[in-house]
Amino acid sequence: MSPFAKTPKPPYYAVIFTSKRTEGDKGYEKLAEEMAMLAANQPGFLGAESVRNAEGFGVTVSYWDSLDAIRNWKANDAHLIAQEKGKTVYYDNYVTRICKVEREYSLREL
C-alpha cells in the first residue's frame, strides 16, 4: 500500500495538523486508529498522510472535497471527544492549518 493519499485533481482542501505529543501512549495509538477509520468513512474524505518522529513531533494531512466536509468532521461527536482528550492528555501543543490545494504534481504516478 502506498503511503501517499490518492487525491483527485485539484481543487480540494487539506487540513494540516502539526502536533507535539506528551510522554507515554495513554491510549493514544488506539484512539488515533479509531479516528482514522472514522474519518475515512466521513462524506467528503479523500485520504490522509501521517508521520511522527521519535521525539513525538508529528504531521497529519487529511484531504477533503469541501470546507463543509471539514466542518462536519470537526463537529463529529466522537471526534469532539477525541479533540478534548488531545487538549488535556495527548498533546503538549498543536497547530491546525486549513488550505485549498490549487495544484499538485509528482515525480511518479501515484
N, C-alpha and C. Protein backbone atom coordinates (compact mmCIF):
# COMPACT_ATOMS: atom_id res chain seq x y z
N MET A 1 0.84 -1.19 0.00
CA MET A 1 0.00 0.00 0.00
C MET A 1 0.89 1.25 0.00
N SER A 2 0.58 2.19 -0.85
CA SER A 2 1.35 3.43 -0.94
C SER A 2 1.09 4.32 0.26
N PRO A 3 2.13 4.99 0.79
CA PRO A 3 1.91 5.93 1.88
C PRO A 3 1.29 7.25 1.41
N PHE A 4 1.19 7.42 0.09
CA PHE A 4 0.62 8.64 -0.47
C PHE A 4 -0.90 8.52 -0.59
N ALA A 5 -1.62 9.57 -0.21
CA ALA A 5 -3.07 9.61 -0.41
C ALA A 5 -3.36 9.76 -1.90
N LYS A 6 -4.35 9.05 -2.36
CA LYS A 6 -4.77 9.17 -3.77
C LYS A 6 -5.86 10.23 -3.83
N THR A 7 -5.46 11.41 -4.20
CA THR A 7 -6.39 12.54 -4.25
C THR A 7 -6.85 12.80 -5.68
N PRO A 8 -8.00 13.45 -5.83
CA PRO A 8 -8.46 13.78 -7.18
C PRO A 8 -7.69 14.98 -7.72
N LYS A 9 -8.01 15.36 -8.93
CA LYS A 9 -7.42 16.58 -9.48
C LYS A 9 -7.91 17.77 -8.66
N PRO A 10 -7.02 18.73 -8.38
CA PRO A 10 -7.43 19.92 -7.62
C PRO A 10 -8.50 20.71 -8.37
N PRO A 11 -9.26 21.50 -7.66
CA PRO A 11 -9.05 21.91 -6.27
C PRO A 11 -9.72 20.95 -5.28
N TYR A 12 -9.13 20.88 -4.10
CA TYR A 12 -9.68 20.20 -2.93
C TYR A 12 -9.01 20.86 -1.73
N TYR A 13 -9.29 20.37 -0.53
CA TYR A 13 -8.78 21.02 0.67
C TYR A 13 -7.90 20.07 1.49
N ALA A 14 -6.95 20.66 2.20
CA ALA A 14 -6.07 19.91 3.09
C ALA A 14 -6.15 20.50 4.49
N VAL A 15 -6.25 19.62 5.47
CA VAL A 15 -6.14 20.03 6.87
C VAL A 15 -4.79 19.50 7.35
N ILE A 16 -3.91 20.41 7.73
CA ILE A 16 -2.57 20.06 8.20
C ILE A 16 -2.57 20.18 9.71
N PHE A 17 -2.41 19.05 10.38
CA PHE A 17 -2.40 19.01 11.84
C PHE A 17 -0.99 18.67 12.29
N THR A 18 -0.30 19.66 12.86
CA THR A 18 1.06 19.51 13.34
C THR A 18 1.00 19.45 14.87
N SER A 19 1.65 18.45 15.45
CA SER A 19 1.50 18.29 16.89
C SER A 19 2.79 17.83 17.56
N LYS A 20 2.85 18.07 18.86
CA LYS A 20 3.92 17.57 19.73
C LYS A 20 3.23 16.79 20.83
N ARG A 21 3.51 15.48 20.89
CA ARG A 21 2.87 14.57 21.85
C ARG A 21 3.43 14.76 23.25
N THR A 22 2.62 14.37 24.23
CA THR A 22 3.09 14.24 25.61
C THR A 22 3.81 12.90 25.73
N GLU A 23 4.45 12.65 26.86
CA GLU A 23 5.15 11.39 27.09
C GLU A 23 4.15 10.25 27.28
N GLY A 24 4.51 9.06 26.80
CA GLY A 24 3.70 7.87 27.02
C GLY A 24 2.51 7.77 26.09
N ASP A 25 2.01 6.55 25.90
CA ASP A 25 0.92 6.32 24.96
C ASP A 25 -0.44 6.73 25.51
N LYS A 26 -0.78 6.28 26.72
CA LYS A 26 -2.04 6.64 27.39
C LYS A 26 -3.26 6.35 26.53
N GLY A 27 -3.17 5.35 25.65
CA GLY A 27 -4.30 5.01 24.78
C GLY A 27 -4.34 5.77 23.47
N TYR A 28 -3.30 6.55 23.21
CA TYR A 28 -3.28 7.39 22.00
C TYR A 28 -3.35 6.58 20.71
N GLU A 29 -2.52 5.56 20.59
CA GLU A 29 -2.47 4.80 19.32
C GLU A 29 -3.82 4.19 18.98
N LYS A 30 -4.49 3.63 19.95
CA LYS A 30 -5.82 3.04 19.72
C LYS A 30 -6.82 4.10 19.27
N LEU A 31 -6.83 5.23 19.97
CA LEU A 31 -7.76 6.30 19.61
C LEU A 31 -7.43 6.88 18.24
N ALA A 32 -6.15 7.03 17.93
CA ALA A 32 -5.74 7.56 16.62
C ALA A 32 -6.21 6.63 15.51
N GLU A 33 -6.09 5.32 15.70
CA GLU A 33 -6.58 4.36 14.70
C GLU A 33 -8.09 4.47 14.54
N GLU A 34 -8.82 4.59 15.65
CA GLU A 34 -10.28 4.74 15.60
C GLU A 34 -10.66 6.00 14.84
N MET A 35 -9.96 7.10 15.10
CA MET A 35 -10.28 8.37 14.42
C MET A 35 -9.96 8.28 12.93
N ALA A 36 -8.87 7.61 12.58
CA ALA A 36 -8.52 7.45 11.16
C ALA A 36 -9.61 6.66 10.43
N MET A 37 -10.10 5.60 11.06
CA MET A 37 -11.17 4.80 10.43
C MET A 37 -12.47 5.60 10.35
N LEU A 38 -12.77 6.35 11.40
CA LEU A 38 -13.99 7.16 11.40
C LEU A 38 -13.91 8.24 10.32
N ALA A 39 -12.78 8.92 10.23
CA ALA A 39 -12.60 9.98 9.22
C ALA A 39 -12.75 9.41 7.82
N ALA A 40 -12.18 8.22 7.59
CA ALA A 40 -12.22 7.61 6.26
C ALA A 40 -13.65 7.33 5.80
N ASN A 41 -14.59 7.25 6.73
CA ASN A 41 -15.98 6.99 6.39
C ASN A 41 -16.84 8.25 6.36
N GLN A 42 -16.22 9.40 6.54
CA GLN A 42 -16.97 10.66 6.53
C GLN A 42 -17.18 11.13 5.10
N PRO A 43 -18.38 11.65 4.80
CA PRO A 43 -18.60 12.23 3.46
C PRO A 43 -17.57 13.32 3.17
N GLY A 44 -16.99 13.28 1.99
CA GLY A 44 -16.02 14.29 1.58
C GLY A 44 -14.58 13.96 1.89
N PHE A 45 -14.31 12.88 2.64
CA PHE A 45 -12.94 12.50 2.97
C PHE A 45 -12.26 11.92 1.72
N LEU A 46 -11.05 12.39 1.44
CA LEU A 46 -10.31 11.95 0.24
C LEU A 46 -9.08 11.11 0.56
N GLY A 47 -8.54 11.22 1.76
CA GLY A 47 -7.35 10.47 2.13
C GLY A 47 -6.56 11.21 3.19
N ALA A 48 -5.47 10.56 3.64
CA ALA A 48 -4.63 11.17 4.67
C ALA A 48 -3.22 10.62 4.59
N GLU A 49 -2.29 11.39 5.11
CA GLU A 49 -0.88 11.02 5.23
C GLU A 49 -0.41 11.47 6.61
N SER A 50 0.37 10.62 7.29
CA SER A 50 0.75 10.96 8.65
C SER A 50 2.14 10.42 8.98
N VAL A 51 2.93 11.21 9.70
CA VAL A 51 4.25 10.81 10.17
C VAL A 51 4.47 11.37 11.57
N ARG A 52 5.29 10.64 12.36
CA ARG A 52 5.67 11.12 13.70
C ARG A 52 7.08 10.64 13.97
N ASN A 53 7.91 11.52 14.55
CA ASN A 53 9.28 11.11 14.85
C ASN A 53 9.39 10.60 16.30
N ALA A 54 10.57 10.14 16.66
CA ALA A 54 10.80 9.55 17.98
C ALA A 54 10.64 10.55 19.11
N GLU A 55 10.77 11.84 18.82
CA GLU A 55 10.61 12.87 19.85
C GLU A 55 9.16 13.29 20.04
N GLY A 56 8.23 12.70 19.28
CA GLY A 56 6.82 13.00 19.45
C GLY A 56 6.28 14.10 18.56
N PHE A 57 7.11 14.63 17.65
CA PHE A 57 6.63 15.65 16.72
C PHE A 57 6.01 14.95 15.52
N GLY A 58 4.78 15.36 15.15
CA GLY A 58 4.11 14.69 14.04
C GLY A 58 3.36 15.65 13.15
N VAL A 59 3.09 15.18 11.94
CA VAL A 59 2.28 15.93 10.97
C VAL A 59 1.30 14.95 10.34
N THR A 60 0.03 15.30 10.37
CA THR A 60 -1.00 14.55 9.67
C THR A 60 -1.70 15.51 8.73
N VAL A 61 -1.80 15.11 7.48
CA VAL A 61 -2.52 15.90 6.49
C VAL A 61 -3.70 15.07 6.03
N SER A 62 -4.90 15.60 6.22
CA SER A 62 -6.09 14.94 5.69
C SER A 62 -6.63 15.79 4.55
N TYR A 63 -7.20 15.10 3.56
CA TYR A 63 -7.68 15.76 2.35
C TYR A 63 -9.20 15.63 2.27
N TRP A 64 -9.86 16.71 1.87
CA TRP A 64 -11.32 16.79 1.87
C TRP A 64 -11.80 17.47 0.60
N ASP A 65 -13.02 17.14 0.20
CA ASP A 65 -13.55 17.73 -1.03
C ASP A 65 -14.16 19.11 -0.84
N SER A 66 -14.40 19.53 0.42
CA SER A 66 -15.03 20.84 0.64
C SER A 66 -14.77 21.33 2.06
N LEU A 67 -14.97 22.61 2.25
CA LEU A 67 -14.88 23.18 3.60
C LEU A 67 -16.01 22.67 4.47
N ASP A 68 -17.19 22.42 3.89
CA ASP A 68 -18.30 21.85 4.66
C ASP A 68 -17.94 20.48 5.20
N ALA A 69 -17.27 19.66 4.39
CA ALA A 69 -16.86 18.32 4.85
C ALA A 69 -15.90 18.44 6.03
N ILE A 70 -14.99 19.41 5.99
CA ILE A 70 -14.05 19.64 7.10
C ILE A 70 -14.81 20.08 8.35
N ARG A 71 -15.75 21.01 8.20
CA ARG A 71 -16.55 21.47 9.34
C ARG A 71 -17.34 20.32 9.96
N ASN A 72 -17.92 19.47 9.11
CA ASN A 72 -18.69 18.33 9.61
C ASN A 72 -17.80 17.35 10.37
N TRP A 73 -16.59 17.12 9.88
CA TRP A 73 -15.66 16.24 10.58
C TRP A 73 -15.26 16.85 11.93
N LYS A 74 -14.98 18.13 11.95
CA LYS A 74 -14.60 18.79 13.20
C LYS A 74 -15.72 18.69 14.23
N ALA A 75 -16.99 18.70 13.78
CA ALA A 75 -18.14 18.67 14.67
C ALA A 75 -18.65 17.26 14.98
N ASN A 76 -18.02 16.22 14.42
CA ASN A 76 -18.42 14.84 14.68
C ASN A 76 -18.31 14.55 16.18
N ASP A 77 -19.35 13.94 16.76
CA ASP A 77 -19.39 13.73 18.21
C ASP A 77 -18.17 12.97 18.74
N ALA A 78 -17.84 11.85 18.11
CA ALA A 78 -16.68 11.06 18.57
C ALA A 78 -15.38 11.84 18.39
N HIS A 79 -15.29 12.61 17.30
CA HIS A 79 -14.10 13.42 17.06
C HIS A 79 -14.00 14.55 18.09
N LEU A 80 -15.14 15.12 18.51
CA LEU A 80 -15.12 16.17 19.53
C LEU A 80 -14.55 15.62 20.85
N ILE A 81 -14.92 14.40 21.20
CA ILE A 81 -14.39 13.78 22.42
C ILE A 81 -12.88 13.57 22.28
N ALA A 82 -12.45 13.08 21.11
CA ALA A 82 -11.02 12.87 20.87
C ALA A 82 -10.26 14.20 20.90
N GLN A 83 -10.85 15.25 20.35
CA GLN A 83 -10.20 16.56 20.37
C GLN A 83 -9.97 17.02 21.81
N GLU A 84 -10.97 16.84 22.66
CA GLU A 84 -10.84 17.25 24.06
C GLU A 84 -9.74 16.45 24.75
N LYS A 85 -9.69 15.14 24.48
CA LYS A 85 -8.62 14.31 25.06
C LYS A 85 -7.26 14.76 24.56
N GLY A 86 -7.19 15.16 23.30
CA GLY A 86 -5.95 15.68 22.76
C GLY A 86 -5.47 16.90 23.52
N LYS A 87 -6.40 17.80 23.83
CA LYS A 87 -6.05 19.03 24.55
C LYS A 87 -5.61 18.76 25.98
N THR A 88 -6.21 17.76 26.62
CA THR A 88 -5.97 17.55 28.04
C THR A 88 -4.97 16.44 28.35
N VAL A 89 -4.76 15.48 27.39
CA VAL A 89 -3.95 14.31 27.70
C VAL A 89 -2.80 14.10 26.70
N TYR A 90 -3.07 14.20 25.41
CA TYR A 90 -2.15 13.69 24.39
C TYR A 90 -1.15 14.69 23.81
N TYR A 91 -1.45 15.98 23.82
CA TYR A 91 -0.59 16.93 23.13
C TYR A 91 -0.03 17.99 24.06
N ASP A 92 1.28 18.26 23.90
CA ASP A 92 1.88 19.44 24.53
C ASP A 92 1.45 20.69 23.78
N ASN A 93 1.33 20.55 22.45
CA ASN A 93 0.91 21.67 21.61
C ASN A 93 0.51 21.12 20.25
N TYR A 94 -0.28 21.90 19.53
CA TYR A 94 -0.63 21.55 18.15
C TYR A 94 -1.04 22.80 17.39
N VAL A 95 -0.97 22.70 16.08
CA VAL A 95 -1.43 23.76 15.18
C VAL A 95 -2.22 23.08 14.07
N THR A 96 -3.38 23.63 13.75
CA THR A 96 -4.19 23.13 12.64
C THR A 96 -4.24 24.21 11.57
N ARG A 97 -3.93 23.82 10.35
CA ARG A 97 -3.98 24.74 9.21
C ARG A 97 -4.89 24.15 8.14
N ILE A 98 -5.75 24.98 7.57
CA ILE A 98 -6.65 24.52 6.52
C ILE A 98 -6.30 25.27 5.24
N CYS A 99 -6.06 24.51 4.16
CA CYS A 99 -5.57 25.09 2.92
C CYS A 99 -6.39 24.57 1.74
N LYS A 100 -6.46 25.37 0.72
CA LYS A 100 -7.05 24.93 -0.54
C LYS A 100 -5.90 24.50 -1.46
N VAL A 101 -5.98 23.26 -1.93
CA VAL A 101 -4.97 22.75 -2.86
C VAL A 101 -5.37 23.19 -4.25
N GLU A 102 -4.55 24.00 -4.86
CA GLU A 102 -4.82 24.55 -6.18
C GLU A 102 -4.14 23.76 -7.29
N ARG A 103 -3.00 23.13 -6.93
CA ARG A 103 -2.19 22.45 -7.94
C ARG A 103 -1.41 21.34 -7.26
N GLU A 104 -1.16 20.26 -7.98
CA GLU A 104 -0.30 19.20 -7.47
C GLU A 104 0.46 18.57 -8.62
N TYR A 105 1.62 18.00 -8.30
CA TYR A 105 2.40 17.25 -9.28
C TYR A 105 3.29 16.30 -8.51
N SER A 106 3.79 15.28 -9.19
CA SER A 106 4.61 14.28 -8.52
C SER A 106 5.70 13.77 -9.46
N LEU A 107 6.67 13.11 -8.88
CA LEU A 107 7.75 12.50 -9.67
C LEU A 107 7.20 11.33 -10.47
N ARG A 108 6.39 10.51 -9.83
CA ARG A 108 5.80 9.33 -10.47
C ARG A 108 4.30 9.32 -10.24
N GLU A 109 3.61 8.58 -11.09
CA GLU A 109 2.16 8.39 -10.91
C GLU A 109 1.90 7.73 -9.57
N LEU A 110 0.93 8.23 -8.83
CA LEU A 110 0.62 7.64 -7.50
C LEU A 110 -0.35 6.50 -7.63
